[in-house]
PDB file of N, CA and C in Angstrom:
ATOM      1  N   MET A   1       0.846  -1.164   0.000  1.00  0.00           N
ATOM      2  CA  MET A   1       0.000   0.000   0.000  1.00  0.00           C
ATOM      3  C   MET A   1       0.901   1.240   0.000  1.00  0.00           C
ATOM      4  N   MET A   2       0.478   2.285  -0.735  1.00  0.00           N
ATOM      5  CA  MET A   2       1.276   3.491  -0.811  1.00  0.00           C
ATOM      6  C   MET A   2       0.365   4.718  -0.792  1.00  0.00           C
ATOM      7  N   LEU A   3       0.802   5.752  -0.101  1.00  0.00           N
ATOM      8  CA  LEU A   3       0.115   7.033  -0.067  1.00  0.00           C
ATOM      9  C   LEU A   3       1.109   8.087  -0.511  1.00  0.00           C
ATOM     10  N   ILE A   4       0.714   8.954  -1.433  1.00  0.00           N
ATOM     11  CA  ILE A   4       1.594  10.012  -1.926  1.00  0.00           C
ATOM     12  C   ILE A   4       0.979  11.347  -1.532  1.00  0.00           C
ATOM     13  N   GLY A   5       1.777  12.199  -0.897  1.00  0.00           N
ATOM     14  CA  GLY A   5       1.333  13.531  -0.500  1.00  0.00           C
ATOM     15  C   GLY A   5       2.235  14.593  -1.109  1.00  0.00           C
ATOM     16  N   ILE A   6       1.663  15.758  -1.393  1.00  0.00           N
ATOM     17  CA  ILE A   6       2.422  16.877  -1.966  1.00  0.00           C
ATOM     18  C   ILE A   6       2.174  18.106  -1.109  1.00  0.00           C
ATOM     19  N   ALA A   7       3.246  18.844  -0.787  1.00  0.00           N
ATOM     20  CA  ALA A   7       3.123  20.064  -0.003  1.00  0.00           C
ATOM     21  C   ALA A   7       4.204  21.052  -0.448  1.00  0.00           C
ATOM     22  N   GLN A   8       3.901  22.342  -0.350  1.00  0.00           N
ATOM     23  CA  GLN A   8       4.908  23.360  -0.628  1.00  0.00           C
ATOM     24  C   GLN A   8       5.589  23.726   0.678  1.00  0.00           C
ATOM     25  N   GLU A   9       6.902  23.584   0.686  1.00  0.00           N
ATOM     26  CA  GLU A   9       7.685  23.896   1.883  1.00  0.00           C
ATOM     27  C   GLU A   9       8.923  24.675   1.479  1.00  0.00           C
ATOM     28  N   ARG A  10       9.480  25.352   2.435  1.00  0.00           N
ATOM     29  CA  ARG A  10      10.687  26.130   2.204  1.00  0.00           C
ATOM     30  C   ARG A  10      11.872  25.194   1.999  1.00  0.00           C
ATOM     31  N   ALA A  11      12.710  25.528   0.995  1.00  0.00           N
ATOM     32  CA  ALA A  11      13.889  24.715   0.705  1.00  0.00           C
ATOM     33  C   ALA A  11      15.022  25.628   0.251  1.00  0.00           C
ATOM     34  N   SER A  12      16.236  25.209   0.478  1.00  0.00           N
ATOM     35  CA  SER A  12      17.410  25.927  -0.003  1.00  0.00           C
ATOM     36  C   SER A  12      17.697  25.452  -1.428  1.00  0.00           C
ATOM     37  N   VAL A  13      17.633  26.376  -2.404  1.00  0.00           N
ATOM     38  CA  VAL A  13      17.771  26.014  -3.812  1.00  0.00           C
ATOM     39  C   VAL A  13      18.834  26.885  -4.480  1.00  0.00           C
ATOM     40  N   TRP A  14      19.332  26.419  -5.632  1.00  0.00           N
ATOM     41  CA  TRP A  14      20.280  27.195  -6.430  1.00  0.00           C
ATOM     42  C   TRP A  14      19.499  28.148  -7.319  1.00  0.00           C
ATOM     43  N   ARG A  15      19.904  29.408  -7.358  1.00  0.00           N
ATOM     44  CA  ARG A  15      19.266  30.410  -8.203  1.00  0.00           C
ATOM     45  C   ARG A  15      20.348  31.276  -8.844  1.00  0.00           C
ATOM     46  N   SER A  16      20.000  31.882  -9.980  1.00  0.00           N
ATOM     47  CA  SER A  16      20.924  32.812 -10.631  1.00  0.00           C
ATOM     48  C   SER A  16      20.230  34.150 -10.830  1.00  0.00           C
ATOM     49  N   TRP A  17      21.015  35.217 -10.922  1.00  0.00           N
ATOM     50  CA  TRP A  17      20.499  36.558 -11.135  1.00  0.00           C
ATOM     51  C   TRP A  17      21.572  37.365 -11.844  1.00  0.00           C
ATOM     52  N   PRO A  18      21.178  38.448 -12.542  1.00  0.00           N
ATOM     53  CA  PRO A  18      22.168  39.281 -13.236  1.00  0.00           C
ATOM     54  C   PRO A  18      23.122  39.929 -12.234  1.00  0.00           C
ATOM     55  N   ALA A  19      24.387  40.009 -12.589  1.00  0.00           N
ATOM     56  CA  ALA A  19      25.384  40.634 -11.726  1.00  0.00           C
ATOM     57  C   ALA A  19      25.078  42.121 -11.577  1.00  0.00           C
ATOM     58  N   THR A  20      25.586  42.730 -10.526  1.00  0.00           N
ATOM     59  CA  THR A  20      25.363  44.145 -10.273  1.00  0.00           C
ATOM     60  C   THR A  20      25.879  44.976 -11.443  1.00  0.00           C
ATOM     61  N   GLY A  21      25.035  45.865 -11.953  1.00  0.00           N
ATOM     62  CA  GLY A  21      25.392  46.701 -13.087  1.00  0.00           C
ATOM     63  C   GLY A  21      25.126  46.051 -14.432  1.00  0.00           C
ATOM     64  N   GLN A  22      24.670  44.793 -14.451  1.00  0.00           N
ATOM     65  CA  GLN A  22      24.424  44.057 -15.687  1.00  0.00           C
ATOM     66  C   GLN A  22      22.929  43.852 -15.958  1.00  0.00           C
ATOM     67  N   GLU A  23      22.071  44.503 -15.180  1.00  0.00           N
ATOM     68  CA  GLU A  23      20.636  44.240 -15.257  1.00  0.00           C
ATOM     69  C   GLU A  23      20.052  44.529 -16.643  1.00  0.00           C
ATOM     70  N   LYS A  24      20.552  45.564 -17.340  1.00  0.00           N
ATOM     71  CA  LYS A  24      19.977  45.954 -18.631  1.00  0.00           C
ATOM     72  C   LYS A  24      20.826  45.525 -19.816  1.00  0.00           C
ATOM     73  N   ALA A  25      21.875  44.767 -19.571  1.00  0.00           N
ATOM     74  CA  ALA A  25      22.745  44.300 -20.656  1.00  0.00           C
ATOM     75  C   ALA A  25      22.018  43.241 -21.483  1.00  0.00           C
ATOM     76  N   VAL A  26      22.377  43.150 -22.771  1.00  0.00           N
ATOM     77  CA  VAL A  26      21.754  42.166 -23.649  1.00  0.00           C
ATOM     78  C   VAL A  26      22.109  40.747 -23.203  1.00  0.00           C
ATOM     79  N   HIS A  27      23.373  40.515 -22.899  1.00  0.00           N
ATOM     80  CA  HIS A  27      23.843  39.215 -22.397  1.00  0.00           C
ATOM     81  C   HIS A  27      24.579  39.459 -21.074  1.00  0.00           C
ATOM     82  N   PRO A  28      23.844  39.585 -19.976  1.00  0.00           N
ATOM     83  CA  PRO A  28      24.487  39.944 -18.706  1.00  0.00           C
ATOM     84  C   PRO A  28      25.299  38.793 -18.109  1.00  0.00           C
ATOM     85  N   TYR A  29      26.313  39.158 -17.341  1.00  0.00           N
ATOM     86  CA  TYR A  29      27.020  38.177 -16.536  1.00  0.00           C
ATOM     87  C   TYR A  29      26.087  37.769 -15.411  1.00  0.00           C
ATOM     88  N   MET A  30      26.084  36.484 -15.100  1.00  0.00           N
ATOM     89  CA  MET A  30      25.159  35.981 -14.086  1.00  0.00           C
ATOM     90  C   MET A  30      25.929  35.555 -12.843  1.00  0.00           C
ATOM     91  N   GLU A  31      25.317  35.749 -11.697  1.00  0.00           N
ATOM     92  CA  GLU A  31      25.844  35.256 -10.429  1.00  0.00           C
ATOM     93  C   GLU A  31      24.976  34.084  -9.987  1.00  0.00           C
ATOM     94  N   LEU A  32      25.581  33.155  -9.287  1.00  0.00           N
ATOM     95  CA  LEU A  32      24.894  31.941  -8.854  1.00  0.00           C
ATOM     96  C   LEU A  32      25.064  31.784  -7.357  1.00  0.00           C
ATOM     97  N   GLY A  33      23.999  31.416  -6.682  1.00  0.00           N
ATOM     98  CA  GLY A  33      24.071  31.209  -5.240  1.00  0.00           C
ATOM     99  C   GLY A  33      22.851  30.476  -4.730  1.00  0.00           C
ATOM    100  N   ARG A  34      22.900  30.128  -3.458  1.00  0.00           N
ATOM    101  CA  ARG A  34      21.775  29.421  -2.847  1.00  0.00           C
ATOM    102  C   ARG A  34      20.860  30.443  -2.183  1.00  0.00           C
ATOM    103  N   GLN A  35      19.558  30.245  -2.398  1.00  0.00           N
ATOM    104  CA  GLN A  35      18.542  31.084  -1.781  1.00  0.00           C
ATOM    105  C   GLN A  35      17.412  30.194  -1.283  1.00  0.00           C
ATOM    106  N   THR A  36      16.534  30.792  -0.518  1.00  0.00           N
ATOM    107  CA  THR A  36      15.381  30.059  -0.020  1.00  0.00           C
ATOM    108  C   THR A  36      14.204  30.255  -0.969  1.00  0.00           C
ATOM    109  N   ALA A  37      13.499  29.175  -1.273  1.00  0.00           N
ATOM    110  CA  ALA A  37      12.313  29.231  -2.129  1.00  0.00           C
ATOM    111  C   ALA A  37      11.304  28.199  -1.631  1.00  0.00           C
ATOM    112  N   PHE A  38      10.071  28.363  -2.047  1.00  0.00           N
ATOM    113  CA  PHE A  38       9.036  27.397  -1.720  1.00  0.00           C
ATOM    114  C   PHE A  38       8.918  26.416  -2.877  1.00  0.00           C
ATOM    115  N   ALA A  39       9.327  25.187  -2.651  1.00  0.00           N
ATOM    116  CA  ALA A  39       9.300  24.149  -3.681  1.00  0.00           C
ATOM    117  C   ALA A  39       8.317  23.055  -3.277  1.00  0.00           C
ATOM    118  N   ASN A  40       7.793  22.349  -4.273  1.00  0.00           N
ATOM    119  CA  ASN A  40       6.900  21.225  -3.989  1.00  0.00           C
ATOM    120  C   ASN A  40       7.703  20.066  -3.412  1.00  0.00           C
ATOM    121  N   HIS A  41       7.246  19.539  -2.304  1.00  0.00           N
ATOM    122  CA  HIS A  41       7.851  18.367  -1.682  1.00  0.00           C
ATOM    123  C   HIS A  41       6.915  17.186  -1.872  1.00  0.00           C
ATOM    124  N   LEU A  42       7.494  16.052  -2.190  1.00  0.00           N
ATOM    125  CA  LEU A  42       6.722  14.829  -2.380  1.00  0.00           C
ATOM    126  C   LEU A  42       6.982  13.893  -1.211  1.00  0.00           C
ATOM    127  N   TYR A  43       5.921  13.385  -0.628  1.00  0.00           N
ATOM    128  CA  TYR A  43       6.004  12.450   0.483  1.00  0.00           C
ATOM    129  C   TYR A  43       5.473  11.099   0.011  1.00  0.00           C
ATOM    130  N   PHE A  44       6.251  10.066   0.219  1.00  0.00           N
ATOM    131  CA  PHE A  44       5.848   8.706  -0.128  1.00  0.00           C
ATOM    132  C   PHE A  44       5.781   7.891   1.167  1.00  0.00           C
ATOM    133  N   TYR A  45       4.565   7.526   1.550  1.00  0.00           N
ATOM    134  CA  TYR A  45       4.355   6.677   2.721  1.00  0.00           C
ATOM    135  C   TYR A  45       4.022   5.283   2.215  1.00  0.00           C
ATOM    136  N   MET A  46       4.814   4.310   2.621  1.00  0.00           N
ATOM    137  CA  MET A  46       4.611   2.942   2.159  1.00  0.00           C
ATOM    138  C   MET A  46       4.437   2.008   3.351  1.00  0.00           C
ATOM    139  N   TRP A  47       3.686   0.949   3.118  1.00  0.00           N
ATOM    140  CA  TRP A  47       3.531  -0.073   4.142  1.00  0.00           C
ATOM    141  C   TRP A  47       3.586  -1.437   3.475  1.00  0.00           C
ATOM    142  N   ASP A  48       4.517  -2.246   3.957  1.00  0.00           N
ATOM    143  CA  ASP A  48       4.698  -3.596   3.442  1.00  0.00           C
ATOM    144  C   ASP A  48       4.388  -4.576   4.573  1.00  0.00           C
ATOM    145  N   PRO A  49       3.612  -5.627   4.316  1.00  0.00           N
ATOM    146  CA  PRO A  49       3.275  -6.562   5.398  1.00  0.00           C
ATOM    147  C   PRO A  49       4.499  -7.264   5.992  1.00  0.00           C
ATOM    148  N   LYS A  50       5.539  -7.418   5.198  1.00  0.00           N
ATOM    149  CA  LYS A  50       6.731  -8.115   5.684  1.00  0.00           C
ATOM    150  C   LYS A  50       7.716  -7.156   6.374  1.00  0.00           C
ATOM    151  N   TRP A  51       7.936  -5.958   5.797  1.00  0.00           N
ATOM    152  CA  TRP A  51       8.942  -5.022   6.303  1.00  0.00           C
ATOM    153  C   TRP A  51       8.373  -3.932   7.191  1.00  0.00           C
ATOM    154  N   GLY A  52       7.070  -3.673   7.082  1.00  0.00           N
ATOM    155  CA  GLY A  52       6.454  -2.644   7.907  1.00  0.00           C
ATOM    156  C   GLY A  52       6.427  -1.290   7.207  1.00  0.00           C
ATOM    157  N   PRO A  53       6.296  -0.200   7.986  1.00  0.00           N
ATOM    158  CA  PRO A  53       6.159   1.127   7.395  1.00  0.00           C
ATOM    159  C   PRO A  53       7.485   1.694   6.882  1.00  0.00           C
ATOM    160  N   ALA A  54       7.386   2.536   5.840  1.00  0.00           N
ATOM    161  CA  ALA A  54       8.545   3.234   5.288  1.00  0.00           C
ATOM    162  C   ALA A  54       8.099   4.629   4.864  1.00  0.00           C
ATOM    163  N   PHE A  55       9.056   5.571   4.804  1.00  0.00           N
ATOM    164  CA  PHE A  55       8.746   6.960   4.506  1.00  0.00           C
ATOM    165  C   PHE A  55       9.893   7.556   3.705  1.00  0.00           C
ATOM    166  N   ILE A  56       9.576   8.216   2.581  1.00  0.00           N
ATOM    167  CA  ILE A  56      10.583   8.900   1.767  1.00  0.00           C
ATOM    168  C   ILE A  56      10.070  10.298   1.486  1.00  0.00           C
ATOM    169  N   LYS A  57      10.946  11.306   1.633  1.00  0.00           N
ATOM    170  CA  LYS A  57      10.594  12.693   1.333  1.00  0.00           C
ATOM    171  C   LYS A  57      11.621  13.238   0.354  1.00  0.00           C
ATOM    172  N   THR A  58      11.152  13.858  -0.723  1.00  0.00           N
ATOM    173  CA  THR A  58      12.028  14.489  -1.701  1.00  0.00           C
ATOM    174  C   THR A  58      11.325  15.733  -2.224  1.00  0.00           C
ATOM    175  N   ASN A  59      12.046  16.584  -2.962  1.00  0.00           N
ATOM    176  CA  ASN A  59      11.371  17.734  -3.560  1.00  0.00           C
ATOM    177  C   ASN A  59      11.519  17.708  -5.068  1.00  0.00           C
ATOM    178  N   ALA A  60      10.712  18.518  -5.737  1.00  0.00           N
ATOM    179  CA  ALA A  60      10.665  18.516  -7.199  1.00  0.00           C
ATOM    180  C   ALA A  60      11.601  19.549  -7.802  1.00  0.00           C
ATOM    181  N   TYR A  61      12.495  20.125  -7.016  1.00  0.00           N
ATOM    182  CA  TYR A  61      13.411  21.152  -7.485  1.00  0.00           C
ATOM    183  C   TYR A  61      14.809  20.543  -7.584  1.00  0.00           C
ATOM    184  N   ALA A  62      15.434  20.644  -8.736  1.00  0.00           N
ATOM    185  CA  ALA A  62      16.761  20.050  -8.923  1.00  0.00           C
ATOM    186  C   ALA A  62      17.829  20.888  -8.241  1.00  0.00           C
ATOM    187  N   PRO A  63      18.853  20.340  -7.683  1.00  0.00           N
ATOM    188  CA  PRO A  63      19.060  18.913  -7.431  1.00  0.00           C
ATOM    189  C   PRO A  63      18.220  18.479  -6.250  1.00  0.00           C
ATOM    190  N   SER A  64      17.494  17.431  -6.424  1.00  0.00           N
ATOM    191  CA  SER A  64      16.532  17.033  -5.404  1.00  0.00           C
ATOM    192  C   SER A  64      17.167  16.128  -4.349  1.00  0.00           C
ATOM    193  N   PRO A  65      17.149  16.567  -3.099  1.00  0.00           N
ATOM    194  CA  PRO A  65      17.665  15.720  -2.028  1.00  0.00           C
ATOM    195  C   PRO A  65      16.644  14.660  -1.633  1.00  0.00           C
ATOM    196  N   ILE A  66      17.101  13.521  -1.214  1.00  0.00           N
ATOM    197  CA  ILE A  66      16.208  12.464  -0.725  1.00  0.00           C
ATOM    198  C   ILE A  66      16.585  12.155   0.708  1.00  0.00           C
TER     199      ILE A  66
END
């Protein structure tokens, strides 16, 4: 038996933005860093008669931690 749940939760994700002074450039230099965002999290609740309950949580934002 399996139950799948989805929720939006805060996660630390990789994001990029134009470098300072490059906002209006045609091909701006980009900076990369980690920021907080609300990403969809997937919850997998499983129950096996032989092994018992199991739980896995991951998010839909790459790179996705498990």
